[in-house]
């Protein structure tokens, strides 16, 4: 019999949200920094953003392993969004030149 996936709400979801408090602000700053790195022509700066975010969240993720999946998925979604905006904005600015 297959094991059902963990619920997105309830104890597990609540614990993950509680462990990753401040995620809205961190996500906003992360997207801004990644988009800025791409527009500035410094894509390797994205590695610094990811490293700072990972190191900053490490203690919380270590204490609450259930939050790690939410962290990884959220980071991937946030970075994908920011990279798309950065590439499209760079192309639009390049077309104006």
PDB file of N, CA and C in Angstrom:
ATOM      1  N   UNK A   1       0.850  -1.176   0.000  1.00  0.00           N
ATOM      2  CA  UNK A   1       0.000   0.000   0.000  1.00  0.00           C
ATOM      3  C   UNK A   1       0.895   1.238   0.000  1.00  0.00           C
ATOM      4  N   UNK A   2       0.687   2.193  -0.949  1.00  0.00           N
ATOM      5  CA  UNK A   2       1.536   3.390  -0.996  1.00  0.00           C
ATOM      6  C   UNK A   2       1.295   4.305   0.195  1.00  0.00           C
ATOM      7  N   UNK A   3       2.348   4.952   0.588  1.00  0.00           N
ATOM      8  CA  UNK A   3       2.280   5.890   1.710  1.00  0.00           C
ATOM      9  C   UNK A   3       1.805   7.243   1.181  1.00  0.00           C
ATOM     10  N   UNK A   4       0.765   7.825   1.789  1.00  0.00           N
ATOM     11  CA  UNK A   4       0.293   9.133   1.303  1.00  0.00           C
ATOM     12  C   UNK A   4       1.309  10.229   1.620  1.00  0.00           C
ATOM     13  N   UNK A   5       1.333  11.268   0.783  1.00  0.00           N
ATOM     14  CA  UNK A   5       2.265  12.367   1.046  1.00  0.00           C
ATOM     15  C   UNK A   5       1.873  13.107   2.317  1.00  0.00           C
ATOM     16  N   UNK A   6       2.833  13.771   2.946  1.00  0.00           N
ATOM     17  CA  UNK A   6       2.516  14.514   4.165  1.00  0.00           C
ATOM     18  C   UNK A   6       1.577  15.678   3.843  1.00  0.00           C
ATOM     19  N   UNK A   7       0.722  16.016   4.760  1.00  0.00           N
ATOM     20  CA  UNK A   7      -0.217  17.118   4.517  1.00  0.00           C
ATOM     21  C   UNK A   7       0.497  18.465   4.450  1.00  0.00           C
ATOM     22  N   UNK A   8      -0.057  19.375   3.652  1.00  0.00           N
ATOM     23  CA  UNK A   8       0.535  20.704   3.561  1.00  0.00           C
ATOM     24  C   UNK A   8       0.076  21.584   4.716  1.00  0.00           C
ATOM     25  N   UNK A   9      -0.938  21.138   5.422  1.00  0.00           N
ATOM     26  CA  UNK A   9      -1.404  21.849   6.603  1.00  0.00           C
ATOM     27  C   UNK A   9      -1.325  20.887   7.775  1.00  0.00           C
ATOM     28  N   UNK A  10      -1.746  21.327   8.901  1.00  0.00           N
ATOM     29  CA  UNK A  10      -1.671  20.473  10.076  1.00  0.00           C
ATOM     30  C   UNK A  10      -0.344  20.657  10.786  1.00  0.00           C
ATOM     31  N   UNK A  11       0.058  19.658  11.544  1.00  0.00           N
ATOM     32  CA  UNK A  11       1.258  19.752  12.360  1.00  0.00           C
ATOM     33  C   UNK A  11       2.512  19.966  11.527  1.00  0.00           C
ATOM     34  N   UNK A  12       2.675  19.197  10.448  1.00  0.00           N
ATOM     35  CA  UNK A  12       3.892  19.307   9.641  1.00  0.00           C
ATOM     36  C   UNK A  12       3.961  20.664   8.958  1.00  0.00           C
ATOM     37  N   UNK A  13       2.874  21.086   8.310  1.00  0.00           N
ATOM     38  CA  UNK A  13       2.854  22.384   7.637  1.00  0.00           C
ATOM     39  C   UNK A  13       3.050  23.539   8.603  1.00  0.00           C
ATOM     40  N   UNK A  14       2.422  23.441   9.744  1.00  0.00           N
ATOM     41  CA  UNK A  14       2.534  24.489  10.747  1.00  0.00           C
ATOM     42  C   UNK A  14       3.954  24.582  11.284  1.00  0.00           C
ATOM     43  N   UNK A  15       4.578  23.436  11.530  1.00  0.00           N
ATOM     44  CA  UNK A  15       5.949  23.432  12.042  1.00  0.00           C
ATOM     45  C   UNK A  15       6.902  24.038  11.018  1.00  0.00           C
ATOM     46  N   UNK A  16       6.715  23.701   9.745  1.00  0.00           N
ATOM     47  CA  UNK A  16       7.583  24.232   8.694  1.00  0.00           C
ATOM     48  C   UNK A  16       7.433  25.740   8.588  1.00  0.00           C
ATOM     49  N   UNK A  17       6.211  26.219   8.630  1.00  0.00           N
ATOM     50  CA  UNK A  17       5.977  27.663   8.539  1.00  0.00           C
ATOM     51  C   UNK A  17       6.574  28.376   9.744  1.00  0.00           C
ATOM     52  N   UNK A  18       6.396  27.804  10.921  1.00  0.00           N
ATOM     53  CA  UNK A  18       6.948  28.406  12.131  1.00  0.00           C
ATOM     54  C   UNK A  18       8.475  28.425  12.093  1.00  0.00           C
ATOM     55  N   UNK A  19       9.072  27.364  11.577  1.00  0.00           N
ATOM     56  CA  UNK A  19      10.534  27.277  11.528  1.00  0.00           C
ATOM     57  C   UNK A  19      11.120  28.262  10.528  1.00  0.00           C
ATOM     58  N   UNK A  20      10.404  28.523   9.450  1.00  0.00           N
ATOM     59  CA  UNK A  20      10.919  29.399   8.394  1.00  0.00           C
ATOM     60  C   UNK A  20      10.296  30.791   8.461  1.00  0.00           C
ATOM     61  N   UNK A  21      10.148  31.299   9.650  1.00  0.00           N
ATOM     62  CA  UNK A  21       9.576  32.630   9.819  1.00  0.00           C
ATOM     63  C   UNK A  21      10.446  33.671   9.116  1.00  0.00           C
ATOM     64  N   UNK A  22       9.824  34.737   8.675  1.00  0.00           N
ATOM     65  CA  UNK A  22      10.559  35.774   7.959  1.00  0.00           C
ATOM     66  C   UNK A  22      10.801  35.431   6.505  1.00  0.00           C
ATOM     67  N   UNK A  23      10.221  34.351   6.034  1.00  0.00           N
ATOM     68  CA  UNK A  23      10.457  33.907   4.668  1.00  0.00           C
ATOM     69  C   UNK A  23      10.000  34.885   3.607  1.00  0.00           C
ATOM     70  N   UNK A  24       8.959  35.649   3.884  1.00  0.00           N
ATOM     71  CA  UNK A  24       8.470  36.619   2.908  1.00  0.00           C
ATOM     72  C   UNK A  24       9.526  37.683   2.641  1.00  0.00           C
ATOM     73  N   UNK A  25      10.095  38.230   3.699  1.00  0.00           N
ATOM     74  CA  UNK A  25      11.128  39.255   3.527  1.00  0.00           C
ATOM     75  C   UNK A  25      12.399  38.678   2.913  1.00  0.00           C
ATOM     76  N   UNK A  26      12.788  37.524   3.366  1.00  0.00           N
ATOM     77  CA  UNK A  26      13.990  36.895   2.823  1.00  0.00           C
ATOM     78  C   UNK A  26      13.801  36.586   1.349  1.00  0.00           C
ATOM     79  N   UNK A  27      12.630  36.078   0.985  1.00  0.00           N
ATOM     80  CA  UNK A  27      12.345  35.773  -0.411  1.00  0.00           C
ATOM     81  C   UNK A  27      12.361  37.017  -1.286  1.00  0.00           C
ATOM     82  N   UNK A  28      11.778  38.102  -0.788  1.00  0.00           N
ATOM     83  CA  UNK A  28      11.779  39.358  -1.530  1.00  0.00           C
ATOM     84  C   UNK A  28      13.209  39.849  -1.757  1.00  0.00           C
ATOM     85  N   UNK A  29      14.005  39.835  -0.715  1.00  0.00           N
ATOM     86  CA  UNK A  29      15.394  40.286  -0.837  1.00  0.00           C
ATOM     87  C   UNK A  29      16.205  39.372  -1.747  1.00  0.00           C
ATOM     88  N   UNK A  30      15.942  38.074  -1.667  1.00  0.00           N
ATOM     89  CA  UNK A  30      16.640  37.111  -2.523  1.00  0.00           C
ATOM     90  C   UNK A  30      16.311  37.373  -3.998  1.00  0.00           C
ATOM     91  N   UNK A  31      15.039  37.543  -4.323  1.00  0.00           N
ATOM     92  CA  UNK A  31      14.647  37.807  -5.713  1.00  0.00           C
ATOM     93  C   UNK A  31      15.229  39.130  -6.213  1.00  0.00           C
ATOM     94  N   UNK A  32      15.214  40.134  -5.365  1.00  0.00           N
ATOM     95  CA  UNK A  32      15.780  41.438  -5.733  1.00  0.00           C
ATOM     96  C   UNK A  32      17.279  41.313  -6.006  1.00  0.00           C
ATOM     97  N   UNK A  33      17.987  40.583  -5.153  1.00  0.00           N
ATOM     98  CA  UNK A  33      19.439  40.423  -5.308  1.00  0.00           C
ATOM     99  C   UNK A  33      19.777  39.616  -6.560  1.00  0.00           C
ATOM    100  N   UNK A  34      19.044  38.558  -6.833  1.00  0.00           N
ATOM    101  CA  UNK A  34      19.316  37.737  -8.015  1.00  0.00           C
ATOM    102  C   UNK A  34      19.032  38.519  -9.287  1.00  0.00           C
ATOM    103  N   UNK A  35      17.909  39.207  -9.324  1.00  0.00           N
ATOM    104  CA  UNK A  35      17.591  40.028 -10.498  1.00  0.00           C
ATOM    105  C   UNK A  35      18.644  41.109 -10.679  1.00  0.00           C
ATOM    106  N   UNK A  36      19.061  41.741  -9.583  1.00  0.00           N
ATOM    107  CA  UNK A  36      20.098  42.767  -9.650  1.00  0.00           C
ATOM    108  C   UNK A  36      21.423  42.226 -10.150  1.00  0.00           C
ATOM    109  N   UNK A  37      21.789  41.047  -9.698  1.00  0.00           N
ATOM    110  CA  UNK A  37      23.041  40.429 -10.169  1.00  0.00           C
ATOM    111  C   UNK A  37      22.998  40.198 -11.676  1.00  0.00           C
ATOM    112  N   UNK A  38      21.882  39.727 -12.167  1.00  0.00           N
ATOM    113  CA  UNK A  38      21.770  39.475 -13.604  1.00  0.00           C
ATOM    114  C   UNK A  38      21.789  40.771 -14.407  1.00  0.00           C
ATOM    115  N   UNK A  39      21.094  41.782 -13.919  1.00  0.00           N
ATOM    116  CA  UNK A  39      21.072  43.064 -14.627  1.00  0.00           C
ATOM    117  C   UNK A  39      22.429  43.771 -14.574  1.00  0.00           C
ATOM    118  N   UNK A  40      23.179  43.533 -13.525  1.00  0.00           N
ATOM    119  CA  UNK A  40      24.505  44.146 -13.394  1.00  0.00           C
ATOM    120  C   UNK A  40      25.568  43.377 -14.171  1.00  0.00           C
ATOM    121  N   UNK A  41      25.181  42.251 -14.772  1.00  0.00           N
ATOM    122  CA  UNK A  41      26.147  41.450 -15.516  1.00  0.00           C
ATOM    123  C   UNK A  41      27.064  40.651 -14.612  1.00  0.00           C
ATOM    124  N   UNK A  42      26.583  40.303 -13.436  1.00  0.00           N
ATOM    125  CA  UNK A  42      27.371  39.567 -12.451  1.00  0.00           C
ATOM    126  C   UNK A  42      26.612  38.306 -12.016  1.00  0.00           C
ATOM    127  N   UNK A  43      26.393  37.367 -12.949  1.00  0.00           N
ATOM    128  CA  UNK A  43      25.603  36.185 -12.592  1.00  0.00           C
ATOM    129  C   UNK A  43      26.252  35.308 -11.526  1.00  0.00           C
ATOM    130  N   UNK A  44      27.559  35.385 -11.371  1.00  0.00           N
ATOM    131  CA  UNK A  44      28.199  34.584 -10.322  1.00  0.00           C
ATOM    132  C   UNK A  44      27.832  35.094  -8.934  1.00  0.00           C
ATOM    133  N   UNK A  45      27.299  36.291  -8.841  1.00  0.00           N
ATOM    134  CA  UNK A  45      26.836  36.822  -7.559  1.00  0.00           C
ATOM    135  C   UNK A  45      25.668  36.029  -6.999  1.00  0.00           C
ATOM    136  N   UNK A  46      24.977  35.291  -7.866  1.00  0.00           N
ATOM    137  CA  UNK A  46      23.859  34.464  -7.413  1.00  0.00           C
ATOM    138  C   UNK A  46      24.356  33.408  -6.427  1.00  0.00           C
ATOM    139  N   UNK A  47      25.566  32.923  -6.635  1.00  0.00           N
ATOM    140  CA  UNK A  47      26.134  31.929  -5.708  1.00  0.00           C
ATOM    141  C   UNK A  47      26.260  32.518  -4.302  1.00  0.00           C
ATOM    142  N   UNK A  48      26.625  33.782  -4.202  1.00  0.00           N
ATOM    143  CA  UNK A  48      26.721  34.431  -2.891  1.00  0.00           C
ATOM    144  C   UNK A  48      25.349  34.532  -2.237  1.00  0.00           C
ATOM    145  N   UNK A  49      24.349  34.881  -3.022  1.00  0.00           N
ATOM    146  CA  UNK A  49      22.991  34.996  -2.485  1.00  0.00           C
ATOM    147  C   UNK A  49      22.526  33.654  -1.929  1.00  0.00           C
ATOM    148  N   UNK A  50      22.734  32.600  -2.706  1.00  0.00           N
ATOM    149  CA  UNK A  50      22.314  31.264  -2.272  1.00  0.00           C
ATOM    150  C   UNK A  50      23.102  30.820  -1.038  1.00  0.00           C
ATOM    151  N   UNK A  51      24.394  31.095  -1.021  1.00  0.00           N
ATOM    152  CA  UNK A  51      25.222  30.701   0.123  1.00  0.00           C
ATOM    153  C   UNK A  51      24.800  31.435   1.391  1.00  0.00           C
ATOM    154  N   UNK A  52      24.559  32.720   1.285  1.00  0.00           N
ATOM    155  CA  UNK A  52      24.140  33.499   2.458  1.00  0.00           C
ATOM    156  C   UNK A  52      22.802  33.006   2.975  1.00  0.00           C
ATOM    157  N   UNK A  53      21.881  32.743   2.046  1.00  0.00           N
ATOM    158  CA  UNK A  53      20.563  32.259   2.466  1.00  0.00           C
ATOM    159  C   UNK A  53      20.677  30.892   3.131  1.00  0.00           C
ATOM    160  N   UNK A  54      21.444  29.999   2.535  1.00  0.00           N
ATOM    161  CA  UNK A  54      21.604  28.662   3.101  1.00  0.00           C
ATOM    162  C   UNK A  54      22.268  28.680   4.466  1.00  0.00           C
ATOM    163  N   UNK A  55      23.321  29.473   4.606  1.00  0.00           N
ATOM    164  CA  UNK A  55      24.000  29.568   5.899  1.00  0.00           C
ATOM    165  C   UNK A  55      23.113  30.217   6.953  1.00  0.00           C
ATOM    166  N   UNK A  56      22.331  31.198   6.534  1.00  0.00           N
ATOM    167  CA  UNK A  56      21.440  31.865   7.474  1.00  0.00           C
ATOM    168  C   UNK A  56      20.318  30.972   7.963  1.00  0.00           C
ATOM    169  N   UNK A  57      19.860  30.070   7.114  1.00  0.00           N
ATOM    170  CA  UNK A  57      18.756  29.179   7.472  1.00  0.00           C
ATOM    171  C   UNK A  57      19.214  27.848   8.072  1.00  0.00           C
ATOM    172  N   UNK A  58      20.494  27.548   7.978  1.00  0.00           N
ATOM    173  CA  UNK A  58      20.986  26.241   8.421  1.00  0.00           C
ATOM    174  C   UNK A  58      20.562  25.874   9.851  1.00  0.00           C
ATOM    175  N   UNK A  59      20.717  26.753  10.829  1.00  0.00           N
ATOM    176  CA  UNK A  59      20.322  26.370  12.192  1.00  0.00           C
ATOM    177  C   UNK A  59      18.839  26.007  12.302  1.00  0.00           C
ATOM    178  N   UNK A  60      17.977  26.752  11.601  1.00  0.00           N
ATOM    179  CA  UNK A  60      16.544  26.463  11.659  1.00  0.00           C
ATOM    180  C   UNK A  60      16.228  25.138  10.974  1.00  0.00           C
ATOM    181  N   UNK A  61      16.879  24.884   9.844  1.00  0.00           N
ATOM    182  CA  UNK A  61      16.631  23.643   9.119  1.00  0.00           C
ATOM    183  C   UNK A  61      17.178  22.432   9.877  1.00  0.00           C
ATOM    184  N   UNK A  62      18.244  22.649  10.604  1.00  0.00           N
ATOM    185  CA  UNK A  62      18.824  21.557  11.398  1.00  0.00           C
ATOM    186  C   UNK A  62      17.898  21.181  12.552  1.00  0.00           C
ATOM    187  N   UNK A  63      17.278  22.168  13.166  1.00  0.00           N
ATOM    188  CA  UNK A  63      16.351  21.914  14.272  1.00  0.00           C
ATOM    189  C   UNK A  63      15.012  21.369  13.797  1.00  0.00           C
ATOM    190  N   UNK A  64      14.593  21.750  12.594  1.00  0.00           N
ATOM    191  CA  UNK A  64      13.287  21.361  12.057  1.00  0.00           C
ATOM    192  C   UNK A  64      13.465  20.733  10.671  1.00  0.00           C
ATOM    193  N   UNK A  65      13.865  19.468  10.604  1.00  0.00           N
ATOM    194  CA  UNK A  65      14.108  18.830   9.304  1.00  0.00           C
ATOM    195  C   UNK A  65      12.883  18.820   8.400  1.00  0.00           C
ATOM    196  N   UNK A  66      11.700  18.880   8.978  1.00  0.00           N
ATOM    197  CA  UNK A  66      10.480  18.857   8.174  1.00  0.00           C
ATOM    198  C   UNK A  66      10.362  20.112   7.307  1.00  0.00           C
ATOM    199  N   UNK A  67      11.039  21.176   7.694  1.00  0.00           N
ATOM    200  CA  UNK A  67      10.978  22.427   6.946  1.00  0.00           C
ATOM    201  C   UNK A  67      11.945  22.454   5.770  1.00  0.00           C
ATOM    202  N   UNK A  68      12.859  21.506   5.690  1.00  0.00           N
ATOM    203  CA  UNK A  68      13.885  21.552   4.639  1.00  0.00           C
ATOM    204  C   UNK A  68      13.296  21.415   3.244  1.00  0.00           C
ATOM    205  N   UNK A  69      12.293  20.559   3.059  1.00  0.00           N
ATOM    206  CA  UNK A  69      11.682  20.412   1.736  1.00  0.00           C
ATOM    207  C   UNK A  69      11.005  21.706   1.309  1.00  0.00           C
ATOM    208  N   UNK A  70      10.300  22.324   2.229  1.00  0.00           N
ATOM    209  CA  UNK A  70       9.642  23.601   1.935  1.00  0.00           C
ATOM    210  C   UNK A  70      10.691  24.661   1.579  1.00  0.00           C
ATOM    211  N   UNK A  71      11.810  24.654   2.264  1.00  0.00           N
ATOM    212  CA  UNK A  71      12.889  25.599   2.000  1.00  0.00           C
ATOM    213  C   UNK A  71      13.462  25.402   0.599  1.00  0.00           C
ATOM    214  N   UNK A  72      13.742  24.153   0.233  1.00  0.00           N
ATOM    215  CA  UNK A  72      14.337  23.860  -1.072  1.00  0.00           C
ATOM    216  C   UNK A  72      13.378  24.221  -2.206  1.00  0.00           C
ATOM    217  N   UNK A  73      12.121  23.825  -2.077  1.00  0.00           N
ATOM    218  CA  UNK A  73      11.137  24.124  -3.124  1.00  0.00           C
ATOM    219  C   UNK A  73      10.913  25.632  -3.232  1.00  0.00           C
ATOM    220  N   UNK A  74      10.804  26.308  -2.117  1.00  0.00           N
ATOM    221  CA  UNK A  74      10.612  27.758  -2.130  1.00  0.00           C
ATOM    222  C   UNK A  74      11.801  28.490  -2.728  1.00  0.00           C
ATOM    223  N   UNK A  75      13.001  28.046  -2.400  1.00  0.00           N
ATOM    224  CA  UNK A  75      14.200  28.659  -2.946  1.00  0.00           C
ATOM    225  C   UNK A  75      14.271  28.461  -4.454  1.00  0.00           C
ATOM    226  N   UNK A  76      13.975  27.258  -4.914  1.00  0.00           N
ATOM    227  CA  UNK A  76      13.992  26.985  -6.353  1.00  0.00           C
ATOM    228  C   UNK A  76      12.961  27.838  -7.090  1.00  0.00           C
ATOM    229  N   UNK A  77      11.765  27.920  -6.552  1.00  0.00           N
ATOM    230  CA  UNK A  77      10.726  28.729  -7.189  1.00  0.00           C
ATOM    231  C   UNK A  77      11.117  30.207  -7.205  1.00  0.00           C
ATOM    232  N   UNK A  78      11.639  30.690  -6.103  1.00  0.00           N
ATOM    233  CA  UNK A  78      12.043  32.087  -5.994  1.00  0.00           C
ATOM    234  C   UNK A  78      13.178  32.419  -6.959  1.00  0.00           C
ATOM    235  N   UNK A  79      14.169  31.531  -7.029  1.00  0.00           N
ATOM    236  CA  UNK A  79      15.301  31.768  -7.924  1.00  0.00           C
ATOM    237  C   UNK A  79      14.881  31.694  -9.390  1.00  0.00           C
ATOM    238  N   UNK A  80      13.994  30.772  -9.706  1.00  0.00           N
ATOM    239  CA  UNK A  80      13.510  30.655 -11.089  1.00  0.00           C
ATOM    240  C   UNK A  80      12.766  31.916 -11.506  1.00  0.00           C
ATOM    241  N   UNK A  81      11.922  32.410 -10.617  1.00  0.00           N
ATOM    242  CA  UNK A  81      11.169  33.635 -10.899  1.00  0.00           C
ATOM    243  C   UNK A  81      12.129  34.805 -11.102  1.00  0.00           C
ATOM    244  N   UNK A  82      13.068  34.963 -10.205  1.00  0.00           N
ATOM    245  CA  UNK A  82      14.012  36.080 -10.276  1.00  0.00           C
ATOM    246  C   UNK A  82      14.888  35.992 -11.518  1.00  0.00           C
ATOM    247  N   UNK A  83      15.330  34.793 -11.872  1.00  0.00           N
ATOM    248  CA  UNK A  83      16.166  34.617 -13.064  1.00  0.00           C
ATOM    249  C   UNK A  83      15.377  34.955 -14.321  1.00  0.00           C
ATOM    250  N   UNK A  84      14.128  34.545 -14.373  1.00  0.00           N
ATOM    251  CA  UNK A  84      13.284  34.868 -15.526  1.00  0.00           C
ATOM    252  C   UNK A  84      13.100  36.376 -15.654  1.00  0.00           C
ATOM    253  N   UNK A  85      12.795  37.029 -14.562  1.00  0.00           N
ATOM    254  CA  UNK A  85      12.630  38.489 -14.595  1.00  0.00           C
ATOM    255  C   UNK A  85      13.933  39.165 -14.998  1.00  0.00           C
ATOM    256  N   UNK A  86      15.047  38.700 -14.460  1.00  0.00           N
ATOM    257  CA  UNK A  86      16.339  39.298 -14.788  1.00  0.00           C
ATOM    258  C   UNK A  86      16.703  39.136 -16.253  1.00  0.00           C
ATOM    259  N   UNK A  87      16.482  37.959 -16.801  1.00  0.00           N
ATOM    260  CA  UNK A  87      16.816  37.705 -18.211  1.00  0.00           C
ATOM    261  C   UNK A  87      15.900  38.506 -19.129  1.00  0.00           C
ATOM    262  N   UNK A  88      14.606  38.533 -18.828  1.00  0.00           N
ATOM    263  CA  UNK A  88      13.664  39.302 -19.660  1.00  0.00           C
ATOM    264  C   UNK A  88      13.980  40.786 -19.573  1.00  0.00           C
ATOM    265  N   UNK A  89      14.253  41.296 -18.376  1.00  0.00           N
ATOM    266  CA  UNK A  89      14.588  42.724 -18.231  1.00  0.00           C
ATOM    267  C   UNK A  89      15.890  43.060 -18.955  1.00  0.00           C
ATOM    268  N   UNK A  90      16.880  42.177 -18.881  1.00  0.00           N
ATOM    269  CA  UNK A  90      18.137  42.405 -19.584  1.00  0.00           C
ATOM    270  C   UNK A  90      17.921  42.436 -21.089  1.00  0.00           C
ATOM    271  N   UNK A  91      17.077  41.535 -21.592  1.00  0.00           N
ATOM    272  CA  UNK A  91      16.775  41.521 -23.028  1.00  0.00           C
ATOM    273  C   UNK A  91      16.020  42.794 -23.429  1.00  0.00           C
ATOM    274  N   UNK A  92      15.098  43.237 -22.584  1.00  0.00           N
ATOM    275  CA  UNK A  92      14.350  44.462 -22.890  1.00  0.00           C
ATOM    276  C   UNK A  92      15.285  45.685 -22.879  1.00  0.00           C
ATOM    277  N   UNK A  93      16.170  45.743 -21.911  1.00  0.00           N
ATOM    278  CA  UNK A  93      17.119  46.861 -21.873  1.00  0.00           C
ATOM    279  C   UNK A  93      18.092  46.804 -23.057  1.00  0.00           C
ATOM    280  N   UNK A  94      18.488  45.602 -23.443  1.00  0.00           N
ATOM    281  CA  UNK A  94      19.364  45.443 -24.607  1.00  0.00           C
ATOM    282  C   UNK A  94      18.694  45.883 -25.895  1.00  0.00           C
ATOM    283  N   UNK A  95      17.392  45.663 -25.990  1.00  0.00           N
ATOM    284  CA  UNK A  95      16.656  46.081 -27.184  1.00  0.00           C
ATOM    285  C   UNK A  95      16.531  47.600 -27.265  1.00  0.00           C
ATOM    286  N   UNK A  96      16.583  48.267 -26.128  1.00  0.00           N
ATOM    287  CA  UNK A  96      16.455  49.725 -26.092  1.00  0.00           C
ATOM    288  C   UNK A  96      17.769  50.417 -26.465  1.00  0.00           C
ATOM    289  N   UNK A  97      18.874  49.718 -26.382  1.00  0.00           N
ATOM    290  CA  UNK A  97      20.170  50.322 -26.641  1.00  0.00           C
ATOM    291  C   UNK A  97      20.431  50.482 -28.095  1.00  0.00           C
TER     292      UNK A  97
END
